[in-house]
Amino acid sequence: MNFRWEIIKDYYPLFIEGGIMTIKCTLLCVILGTCWGLILGVGRTSHAKHGISKYLLLLLVQWPVRIYVSAFRGTPLFVQIMVVHFVLMPFLINPRDGLLVSDNLISVETARVLRTQYGAFISCVIAITLNAGAYISEIFRAGIQSIDKGQTEAARSLGMSYFSTMRKVILPQAFRRMLPPLGNNAIAILKDSSLGAAIGLADLAYAARTAGATYGSYTEPYLVISVVYWCMTFLLSLLVQYMEKRFAKSDSH
């Protein structure tokens, strides 16, 4: 096979910009998805033993979270990106009659700029964050439930509130156990960000598609971005391993 390096050479600025866009999108989705997953996970494990609070938590928190997680885990991420980009975004920030424009929360000009210049990026971040939050919430749920219930009862008997018990006692211990699956989820988000190219996000996949279409040869661009994606995921896995060793070392002291 004759590898045509001139395709990569001519389009390397686009590949670099695509790589930067992929990293920005991944970082945002990992941070926002982890925060959203934490909220959902804590909501999923919240409980009250007696009184009306028990039923209010069940109806207003636990069941809605279960339905949300089931819906986002049961539909393809690609479809979710399309729904966010072509349904949710026009509903919110359409310059003519979007909800945020009608309520004067943003100006028409701001809505136009957001739609034309950042529409694909915002849609991709929202869709992947919502999807990742569903998976990460299950990681938090399993991590929280893996901690012995006696620790929660002991903390509550000392007068600590539910959220204070979570923040100071349960979550620090659970996080060490959740780190490997959280790392795997971050790697999955990095790879899933390539789906954003379908709505025009100028990431690595978009750069490969553009270069391939120009030269009528997709072999070289897609082989190159495959290597770049592999390097990124490899470095991310090394970072997760380093953090695991640091936490293990701090536990042994």
C-alpha atoms as a PDB file:
ATOM      1  CA  MET A   1       0.000   0.000   0.000  1.00  0.00           C
ATOM      2  CA  ASN A   2       1.323   3.407  -0.982  1.00  0.00           C
ATOM      3  CA  PHE A   3       0.838   5.679   2.029  1.00  0.00           C
ATOM      4  CA  ARG A   4       0.290   9.241   0.780  1.00  0.00           C
ATOM      5  CA  TRP A   5       1.953  11.438   3.403  1.00  0.00           C
ATOM      6  CA  GLU A   6       1.066  14.593   1.464  1.00  0.00           C
ATOM      7  CA  ILE A   7      -2.549  14.242   2.639  1.00  0.00           C
ATOM      8  CA  ILE A   8      -1.440  14.470   6.272  1.00  0.00           C
ATOM      9  CA  LYS A   9       1.124  17.170   5.489  1.00  0.00           C
ATOM     10  CA  ASP A  10      -1.395  19.394   3.710  1.00  0.00           C
ATOM     11  CA  TYR A  11      -4.026  19.022   6.424  1.00  0.00           C
ATOM     12  CA  TYR A  12      -1.879  18.835   9.577  1.00  0.00           C
ATOM     13  CA  PRO A  13      -3.172  22.216  10.929  1.00  0.00           C
ATOM     14  CA  LEU A  14      -6.711  20.838  10.721  1.00  0.00           C
ATOM     15  CA  PHE A  15      -5.620  17.644  12.512  1.00  0.00           C
ATOM     16  CA  ILE A  16      -3.970  19.703  15.267  1.00  0.00           C
ATOM     17  CA  GLU A  17      -7.086  21.870  15.705  1.00  0.00           C
ATOM     18  CA  GLY A  18      -9.201  18.705  15.701  1.00  0.00           C
ATOM     19  CA  GLY A  19      -7.004  17.159  18.398  1.00  0.00           C
ATOM     20  CA  ILE A  20      -7.318  20.278  20.577  1.00  0.00           C
ATOM     21  CA  MET A  21     -11.091  20.276  20.091  1.00  0.00           C
ATOM     22  CA  THR A  22     -11.253  16.568  21.040  1.00  0.00           C
ATOM     23  CA  ILE A  23      -9.277  17.226  24.241  1.00  0.00           C
ATOM     24  CA  LYS A  24     -11.425  20.263  25.185  1.00  0.00           C
ATOM     25  CA  CYS A  25     -14.647  18.361  24.603  1.00  0.00           C
ATOM     26  CA  THR A  26     -13.385  15.332  26.563  1.00  0.00           C
ATOM     27  CA  LEU A  27     -12.187  17.382  29.558  1.00  0.00           C
ATOM     28  CA  LEU A  28     -15.475  19.257  29.820  1.00  0.00           C
ATOM     29  CA  CYS A  29     -17.568  16.098  29.488  1.00  0.00           C
ATOM     30  CA  VAL A  30     -15.483  14.202  32.062  1.00  0.00           C
ATOM     31  CA  ILE A  31     -15.755  17.032  34.629  1.00  0.00           C
ATOM     32  CA  LEU A  32     -19.444  17.788  34.040  1.00  0.00           C
ATOM     33  CA  GLY A  33     -20.394  14.117  33.638  1.00  0.00           C
ATOM     34  CA  THR A  34     -18.668  13.194  36.927  1.00  0.00           C
ATOM     35  CA  CYS A  35     -20.441  16.026  38.798  1.00  0.00           C
ATOM     36  CA  TRP A  36     -23.791  15.065  37.269  1.00  0.00           C
ATOM     37  CA  GLY A  37     -23.185  11.372  37.972  1.00  0.00           C
ATOM     38  CA  LEU A  38     -22.324  12.186  41.600  1.00  0.00           C
ATOM     39  CA  ILE A  39     -25.618  14.069  42.039  1.00  0.00           C
ATOM     40  CA  LEU A  40     -27.588  11.218  40.457  1.00  0.00           C
ATOM     41  CA  GLY A  41     -25.695   8.555  42.407  1.00  0.00           C
ATOM     42  CA  VAL A  42     -26.264  10.268  45.765  1.00  0.00           C
ATOM     43  CA  GLY A  43     -29.925  10.751  44.836  1.00  0.00           C
ATOM     44  CA  ARG A  44     -30.189   7.080  43.887  1.00  0.00           C
ATOM     45  CA  THR A  45     -28.817   5.934  47.266  1.00  0.00           C
ATOM     46  CA  SER A  46     -30.652   8.481  49.409  1.00  0.00           C
ATOM     47  CA  HIS A  47     -33.172   6.993  51.782  1.00  0.00           C
ATOM     48  CA  ALA A  48     -35.236   7.714  54.853  1.00  0.00           C
ATOM     49  CA  LYS A  49     -36.392   5.022  57.245  1.00  0.00           C
ATOM     50  CA  HIS A  50     -39.696   6.467  58.410  1.00  0.00           C
ATOM     51  CA  GLY A  51     -42.364   9.054  57.759  1.00  0.00           C
ATOM     52  CA  ILE A  52     -43.459  10.904  54.667  1.00  0.00           C
ATOM     53  CA  SER A  53     -39.837  11.627  53.698  1.00  0.00           C
ATOM     54  CA  LYS A  54     -39.431   7.965  52.775  1.00  0.00           C
ATOM     55  CA  TYR A  55     -42.204   8.148  50.171  1.00  0.00           C
ATOM     56  CA  LEU A  56     -41.221  11.631  48.932  1.00  0.00           C
ATOM     57  CA  LEU A  57     -37.668  10.429  48.292  1.00  0.00           C
ATOM     58  CA  LEU A  58     -39.002   7.360  46.504  1.00  0.00           C
ATOM     59  CA  LEU A  59     -41.394   9.277  44.222  1.00  0.00           C
ATOM     60  CA  LEU A  60     -39.456  12.503  43.615  1.00  0.00           C
ATOM     61  CA  VAL A  61     -35.842  11.319  43.636  1.00  0.00           C
ATOM     62  CA  GLN A  62     -35.198   7.581  43.380  1.00  0.00           C
ATOM     63  CA  TRP A  63     -37.700   6.636  40.674  1.00  0.00           C
ATOM     64  CA  PRO A  64     -36.973   9.682  38.445  1.00  0.00           C
ATOM     65  CA  VAL A  65     -33.246   8.876  38.687  1.00  0.00           C
ATOM     66  CA  ARG A  66     -33.899   5.219  37.825  1.00  0.00           C
ATOM     67  CA  ILE A  67     -35.967   6.189  34.789  1.00  0.00           C
ATOM     68  CA  TYR A  68     -33.344   8.718  33.669  1.00  0.00           C
ATOM     69  CA  VAL A  69     -30.496   6.191  33.961  1.00  0.00           C
ATOM     70  CA  SER A  70     -32.510   3.515  32.165  1.00  0.00           C
ATOM     71  CA  ALA A  71     -33.440   5.901  29.325  1.00  0.00           C
ATOM     72  CA  PHE A  72     -29.900   7.133  28.696  1.00  0.00           C
ATOM     73  CA  ARG A  73     -28.338   3.680  28.985  1.00  0.00           C
ATOM     74  CA  GLY A  74     -31.024   2.180  26.753  1.00  0.00           C
ATOM     75  CA  THR A  75     -30.635   4.511  23.756  1.00  0.00           C
ATOM     76  CA  PRO A  76     -27.592   5.027  21.482  1.00  0.00           C
ATOM     77  CA  LEU A  77     -25.368   8.015  22.214  1.00  0.00           C
ATOM     78  CA  PHE A  78     -25.479   8.917  18.526  1.00  0.00           C
ATOM     79  CA  VAL A  79     -29.272   9.317  18.714  1.00  0.00           C
ATOM     80  CA  GLN A  80     -28.946  11.377  21.910  1.00  0.00           C
ATOM     81  CA  ILE A  81     -26.515  13.746  20.184  1.00  0.00           C
ATOM     82  CA  MET A  82     -28.977  14.164  17.302  1.00  0.00           C
ATOM     83  CA  VAL A  83     -31.890  14.841  19.665  1.00  0.00           C
ATOM     84  CA  VAL A  84     -29.917  17.439  21.610  1.00  0.00           C
ATOM     85  CA  HIS A  85     -28.633  19.164  18.465  1.00  0.00           C
ATOM     86  CA  PHE A  86     -31.793  19.129  16.368  1.00  0.00           C
ATOM     87  CA  VAL A  87     -34.507  19.239  19.055  1.00  0.00           C
ATOM     88  CA  LEU A  88     -33.239  20.610  22.359  1.00  0.00           C
ATOM     89  CA  MET A  89     -30.897  23.302  21.044  1.00  0.00           C
ATOM     90  CA  PRO A  90     -33.458  24.891  18.637  1.00  0.00           C
ATOM     91  CA  PHE A  91     -36.031  24.782  21.441  1.00  0.00           C
ATOM     92  CA  LEU A  92     -33.693  26.658  23.797  1.00  0.00           C
ATOM     93  CA  ILE A  93     -31.626  29.066  21.701  1.00  0.00           C
ATOM     94  CA  ASN A  94     -33.361  29.527  18.366  1.00  0.00           C
ATOM     95  CA  PRO A  95     -32.746  33.239  17.537  1.00  0.00           C
ATOM     96  CA  ARG A  96     -36.394  33.632  16.465  1.00  0.00           C
ATOM     97  CA  ASP A  97     -38.453  31.894  19.132  1.00  0.00           C
ATOM     98  CA  GLY A  98     -36.097  29.919  21.391  1.00  0.00           C
ATOM     99  CA  LEU A  99     -37.154  29.633  25.028  1.00  0.00           C
ATOM    100  CA  LEU A 100     -34.116  31.503  26.379  1.00  0.00           C
ATOM    101  CA  VAL A 101     -34.602  34.288  23.809  1.00  0.00           C
ATOM    102  CA  SER A 102     -38.356  34.590  24.457  1.00  0.00           C
ATOM    103  CA  ASP A 103     -37.718  34.864  28.210  1.00  0.00           C
ATOM    104  CA  ASN A 104     -35.013  37.517  27.568  1.00  0.00           C
ATOM    105  CA  LEU A 105     -32.364  35.395  29.277  1.00  0.00           C
ATOM    106  CA  ILE A 106     -30.080  35.833  26.261  1.00  0.00           C
ATOM    107  CA  SER A 107     -30.195  38.296  23.368  1.00  0.00           C
ATOM    108  CA  VAL A 108     -31.017  37.403  19.778  1.00  0.00           C
ATOM    109  CA  GLU A 109     -27.438  38.167  18.751  1.00  0.00           C
ATOM    110  CA  THR A 110     -26.036  35.918  21.494  1.00  0.00           C
ATOM    111  CA  ALA A 111     -28.388  33.109  20.443  1.00  0.00           C
ATOM    112  CA  ARG A 112     -27.277  33.510  16.813  1.00  0.00           C
ATOM    113  CA  VAL A 113     -23.582  33.352  17.762  1.00  0.00           C
ATOM    114  CA  LEU A 114     -24.117  30.326  19.997  1.00  0.00           C
ATOM    115  CA  ARG A 115     -26.013  28.473  17.268  1.00  0.00           C
ATOM    116  CA  THR A 116     -23.688  29.254  14.380  1.00  0.00           C
ATOM    117  CA  GLN A 117     -20.264  29.195  16.029  1.00  0.00           C
ATOM    118  CA  TYR A 118     -20.623  26.909  19.042  1.00  0.00           C
ATOM    119  CA  GLY A 119     -23.788  24.923  18.313  1.00  0.00           C
ATOM    120  CA  ALA A 120     -22.092  21.589  17.554  1.00  0.00           C
ATOM    121  CA  PHE A 121     -19.696  21.919  20.489  1.00  0.00           C
ATOM    122  CA  ILE A 122     -22.461  22.777  22.991  1.00  0.00           C
ATOM    123  CA  SER A 123     -24.721  19.995  21.694  1.00  0.00           C
ATOM    124  CA  CYS A 124     -21.922  17.434  21.892  1.00  0.00           C
ATOM    125  CA  VAL A 125     -20.924  18.451  25.424  1.00  0.00           C
ATOM    126  CA  ILE A 126     -24.542  18.396  26.655  1.00  0.00           C
ATOM    127  CA  ALA A 127     -25.356  15.012  25.075  1.00  0.00           C
ATOM    128  CA  ILE A 128     -22.178  13.237  26.213  1.00  0.00           C
ATOM    129  CA  THR A 129     -22.447  14.775  29.708  1.00  0.00           C
ATOM    130  CA  LEU A 130     -26.041  13.583  30.103  1.00  0.00           C
ATOM    131  CA  ASN A 131     -25.098  10.126  28.801  1.00  0.00           C
ATOM    132  CA  ALA A 132     -21.934   9.850  30.908  1.00  0.00           C
ATOM    133  CA  GLY A 133     -23.827  11.015  34.006  1.00  0.00           C
ATOM    134  CA  ALA A 134     -26.154   8.008  33.696  1.00  0.00           C
ATOM    135  CA  TYR A 135     -23.247   5.547  33.613  1.00  0.00           C
ATOM    136  CA  ILE A 136     -21.187   7.349  36.254  1.00  0.00           C
ATOM    137  CA  SER A 137     -24.169   7.494  38.619  1.00  0.00           C
ATOM    138  CA  GLU A 138     -24.147   3.685  38.682  1.00  0.00           C
ATOM    139  CA  ILE A 139     -20.431   3.751  39.516  1.00  0.00           C
ATOM    140  CA  PHE A 140     -21.124   6.114  42.425  1.00  0.00           C
ATOM    141  CA  ARG A 141     -24.096   4.033  43.539  1.00  0.00           C
ATOM    142  CA  ALA A 142     -22.041   0.841  43.604  1.00  0.00           C
ATOM    143  CA  GLY A 143     -19.135   2.621  45.322  1.00  0.00           C
ATOM    144  CA  ILE A 144     -21.342   4.133  48.028  1.00  0.00           C
ATOM    145  CA  GLN A 145     -23.153   0.855  48.656  1.00  0.00           C
ATOM    146  CA  SER A 146     -19.828  -0.996  48.938  1.00  0.00           C
ATOM    147  CA  ILE A 147     -18.998   0.930  52.130  1.00  0.00           C
ATOM    148  CA  ASP A 148     -20.167  -0.801  55.287  1.00  0.00           C
ATOM    149  CA  LYS A 149     -23.504   0.595  56.516  1.00  0.00           C
ATOM    150  CA  GLY A 150     -22.137   0.677  60.045  1.00  0.00           C
ATOM    151  CA  GLN A 151     -19.980   3.655  59.122  1.00  0.00           C
ATOM    152  CA  THR A 152     -23.016   5.628  58.012  1.00  0.00           C
ATOM    153  CA  GLU A 153     -24.917   4.714  61.147  1.00  0.00           C
ATOM    154  CA  ALA A 154     -21.949   5.615  63.346  1.00  0.00           C
ATOM    155  CA  ALA A 155     -21.557   9.016  61.653  1.00  0.00           C
ATOM    156  CA  ARG A 156     -25.294   9.751  61.925  1.00  0.00           C
ATOM    157  CA  SER A 157     -25.281   8.731  65.595  1.00  0.00           C
ATOM    158  CA  LEU A 158     -22.568  11.347  66.164  1.00  0.00           C
ATOM    159  CA  GLY A 159     -24.971  13.995  64.879  1.00  0.00           C
ATOM    160  CA  MET A 160     -23.632  14.357  61.320  1.00  0.00           C
ATOM    161  CA  SER A 161     -26.195  15.153  58.622  1.00  0.00           C
ATOM    162  CA  TYR A 162     -26.736  12.832  55.629  1.00  0.00           C
ATOM    163  CA  PHE A 163     -24.780  15.058  53.231  1.00  0.00           C
ATOM    164  CA  SER A 164     -22.004  15.670  55.772  1.00  0.00           C
ATOM    165  CA  THR A 165     -21.698  11.903  56.263  1.00  0.00           C
ATOM    166  CA  MET A 166     -21.457  11.420  52.507  1.00  0.00           C
ATOM    167  CA  ARG A 167     -18.888  14.182  52.025  1.00  0.00           C
ATOM    168  CA  LYS A 168     -16.612  13.443  54.974  1.00  0.00           C
ATOM    169  CA  VAL A 169     -16.964   9.680  55.564  1.00  0.00           C
ATOM    170  CA  ILE A 170     -18.433   7.682  52.687  1.00  0.00           C
ATOM    171  CA  LEU A 171     -17.340   9.354  49.446  1.00  0.00           C
ATOM    172  CA  PRO A 172     -13.592   9.637  50.289  1.00  0.00           C
ATOM    173  CA  GLN A 173     -13.453   5.872  50.893  1.00  0.00           C
ATOM    174  CA  ALA A 174     -15.715   4.997  47.979  1.00  0.00           C
ATOM    175  CA  PHE A 175     -13.720   7.174  45.551  1.00  0.00           C
ATOM    176  CA  ARG A 176     -10.655   4.934  45.857  1.00  0.00           C
ATOM    177  CA  ARG A 177     -12.748   1.954  44.756  1.00  0.00           C
ATOM    178  CA  MET A 178     -14.470   3.954  42.005  1.00  0.00           C
ATOM    179  CA  LEU A 179     -11.275   5.280  40.432  1.00  0.00           C
ATOM    180  CA  PRO A 180     -10.668   2.376  37.958  1.00  0.00           C
ATOM    181  CA  PRO A 181     -14.242   2.413  36.513  1.00  0.00           C
ATOM    182  CA  LEU A 182     -14.202   6.227  36.446  1.00  0.00           C
ATOM    183  CA  GLY A 183     -10.962   6.056  34.461  1.00  0.00           C
ATOM    184  CA  ASN A 184     -12.506   3.588  32.015  1.00  0.00           C
ATOM    185  CA  ASN A 185     -15.483   5.913  31.637  1.00  0.00           C
ATOM    186  CA  ALA A 186     -13.186   8.856  30.854  1.00  0.00           C
ATOM    187  CA  ILE A 187     -11.539   6.779  28.113  1.00  0.00           C
ATOM    188  CA  ALA A 188     -14.976   5.907  26.731  1.00  0.00           C
ATOM    189  CA  ILE A 189     -15.908   9.617  26.679  1.00  0.00           C
ATOM    190  CA  LEU A 190     -12.733  10.413  24.734  1.00  0.00           C
ATOM    191  CA  LYS A 191     -13.634   7.858  22.076  1.00  0.00           C
ATOM    192  CA  ASP A 192     -17.337   8.796  22.053  1.00  0.00           C
ATOM    193  CA  SER A 193     -16.486  12.435  21.343  1.00  0.00           C
ATOM    194  CA  SER A 194     -15.717  11.363  17.751  1.00  0.00           C
ATOM    195  CA  LEU A 195     -19.495  11.048  17.218  1.00  0.00           C
ATOM    196  CA  GLY A 196     -19.670  14.849  17.355  1.00  0.00           C
ATOM    197  CA  ALA A 197     -18.265  14.938  13.803  1.00  0.00           C
ATOM    198  CA  ALA A 198     -21.718  13.844  12.611  1.00  0.00           C
ATOM    199  CA  ILE A 199     -23.158  17.258  13.576  1.00  0.00           C
ATOM    200  CA  GLY A 200     -20.150  19.261  12.398  1.00  0.00           C
ATOM    201  CA  LEU A 201     -17.918  19.331  15.486  1.00  0.00           C
ATOM    202  CA  ALA A 202     -14.439  20.115  14.147  1.00  0.00           C
ATOM    203  CA  ASP A 203     -12.648  17.318  16.012  1.00  0.00           C
ATOM    204  CA  LEU A 204     -10.201  14.646  14.849  1.00  0.00           C
ATOM    205  CA  ALA A 205     -12.850  12.568  13.069  1.00  0.00           C
ATOM    206  CA  TYR A 206     -14.077  15.693  11.253  1.00  0.00           C
ATOM    207  CA  ALA A 207     -10.498  16.495  10.159  1.00  0.00           C
ATOM    208  CA  ALA A 208     -10.038  12.956   8.795  1.00  0.00           C
ATOM    209  CA  ARG A 209     -13.322  13.079   6.919  1.00  0.00           C
ATOM    210  CA  THR A 210     -12.480  16.472   5.393  1.00  0.00           C
ATOM    211  CA  ALA A 211      -8.980  15.446   4.304  1.00  0.00           C
ATOM    212  CA  GLY A 212     -10.226  12.122   2.941  1.00  0.00           C
ATOM    213  CA  ALA A 213     -13.010  13.756   0.941  1.00  0.00           C
ATOM    214  CA  THR A 214     -10.607  16.253  -0.637  1.00  0.00           C
ATOM    215  CA  TYR A 215      -8.153  13.601  -1.869  1.00  0.00           C
ATOM    216  CA  GLY A 216     -10.687  10.826  -2.418  1.00  0.00           C
ATOM    217  CA  SER A 217      -8.662   8.558  -0.112  1.00  0.00           C
ATOM    218  CA  TYR A 218      -9.719   7.858   3.473  1.00  0.00           C
ATOM    219  CA  THR A 219      -7.015   5.315   4.334  1.00  0.00           C
ATOM    220  CA  GLU A 220      -4.300   7.739   5.450  1.00  0.00           C
ATOM    221  CA  PRO A 221      -6.455  10.178   7.507  1.00  0.00           C
ATOM    222  CA  TYR A 222      -8.308   7.462   9.409  1.00  0.00           C
ATOM    223  CA  LEU A 223      -5.136   5.456  10.094  1.00  0.00           C
ATOM    224  CA  VAL A 224      -3.502   8.601  11.492  1.00  0.00           C
ATOM    225  CA  ILE A 225      -6.385   9.560  13.774  1.00  0.00           C
ATOM    226  CA  SER A 226      -6.585   5.926  14.959  1.00  0.00           C
ATOM    227  CA  VAL A 227      -2.986   6.219  16.159  1.00  0.00           C
ATOM    228  CA  VAL A 228      -3.708   9.623  17.749  1.00  0.00           C
ATOM    229  CA  TYR A 229      -6.785   8.295  19.592  1.00  0.00           C
ATOM    230  CA  TRP A 230      -4.778   5.284  20.794  1.00  0.00           C
ATOM    231  CA  CYS A 231      -1.995   7.571  22.105  1.00  0.00           C
ATOM    232  CA  MET A 232      -4.546   9.712  23.951  1.00  0.00           C
ATOM    233  CA  THR A 233      -6.296   6.739  25.567  1.00  0.00           C
ATOM    234  CA  PHE A 234      -2.921   5.174  26.473  1.00  0.00           C
ATOM    235  CA  LEU A 235      -1.770   8.360  28.221  1.00  0.00           C
ATOM    236  CA  LEU A 236      -5.108   8.631  30.015  1.00  0.00           C
ATOM    237  CA  SER A 237      -4.831   5.036  31.245  1.00  0.00           C
ATOM    238  CA  LEU A 238      -1.303   5.780  32.537  1.00  0.00           C
ATOM    239  CA  LEU A 239      -2.685   8.793  34.436  1.00  0.00           C
ATOM    240  CA  VAL A 240      -5.390   6.621  36.038  1.00  0.00           C
ATOM    241  CA  GLN A 241      -2.795   3.995  37.031  1.00  0.00           C
ATOM    242  CA  TYR A 242      -0.623   6.721  38.584  1.00  0.00           C
ATOM    243  CA  MET A 243      -3.558   8.049  40.612  1.00  0.00           C
ATOM    244  CA  GLU A 244      -4.434   4.517  41.771  1.00  0.00           C
ATOM    245  CA  LYS A 245      -0.862   4.013  43.016  1.00  0.00           C
ATOM    246  CA  ARG A 246      -0.911   7.388  44.802  1.00  0.00           C
ATOM    247  CA  PHE A 247      -4.151   6.546  46.599  1.00  0.00           C
ATOM    248  CA  ALA A 248      -2.868   3.052  47.471  1.00  0.00           C
ATOM    249  CA  LYS A 249       0.324   4.576  48.891  1.00  0.00           C
ATOM    250  CA  SER A 250      -1.608   7.124  50.973  1.00  0.00           C
ATOM    251  CA  ASP A 251      -3.778   4.283  52.342  1.00  0.00           C
ATOM    252  CA  SER A 252      -0.733   2.277  53.441  1.00  0.00           C
ATOM    253  CA  HIS A 253       0.657   5.209  55.498  1.00  0.00           C
END
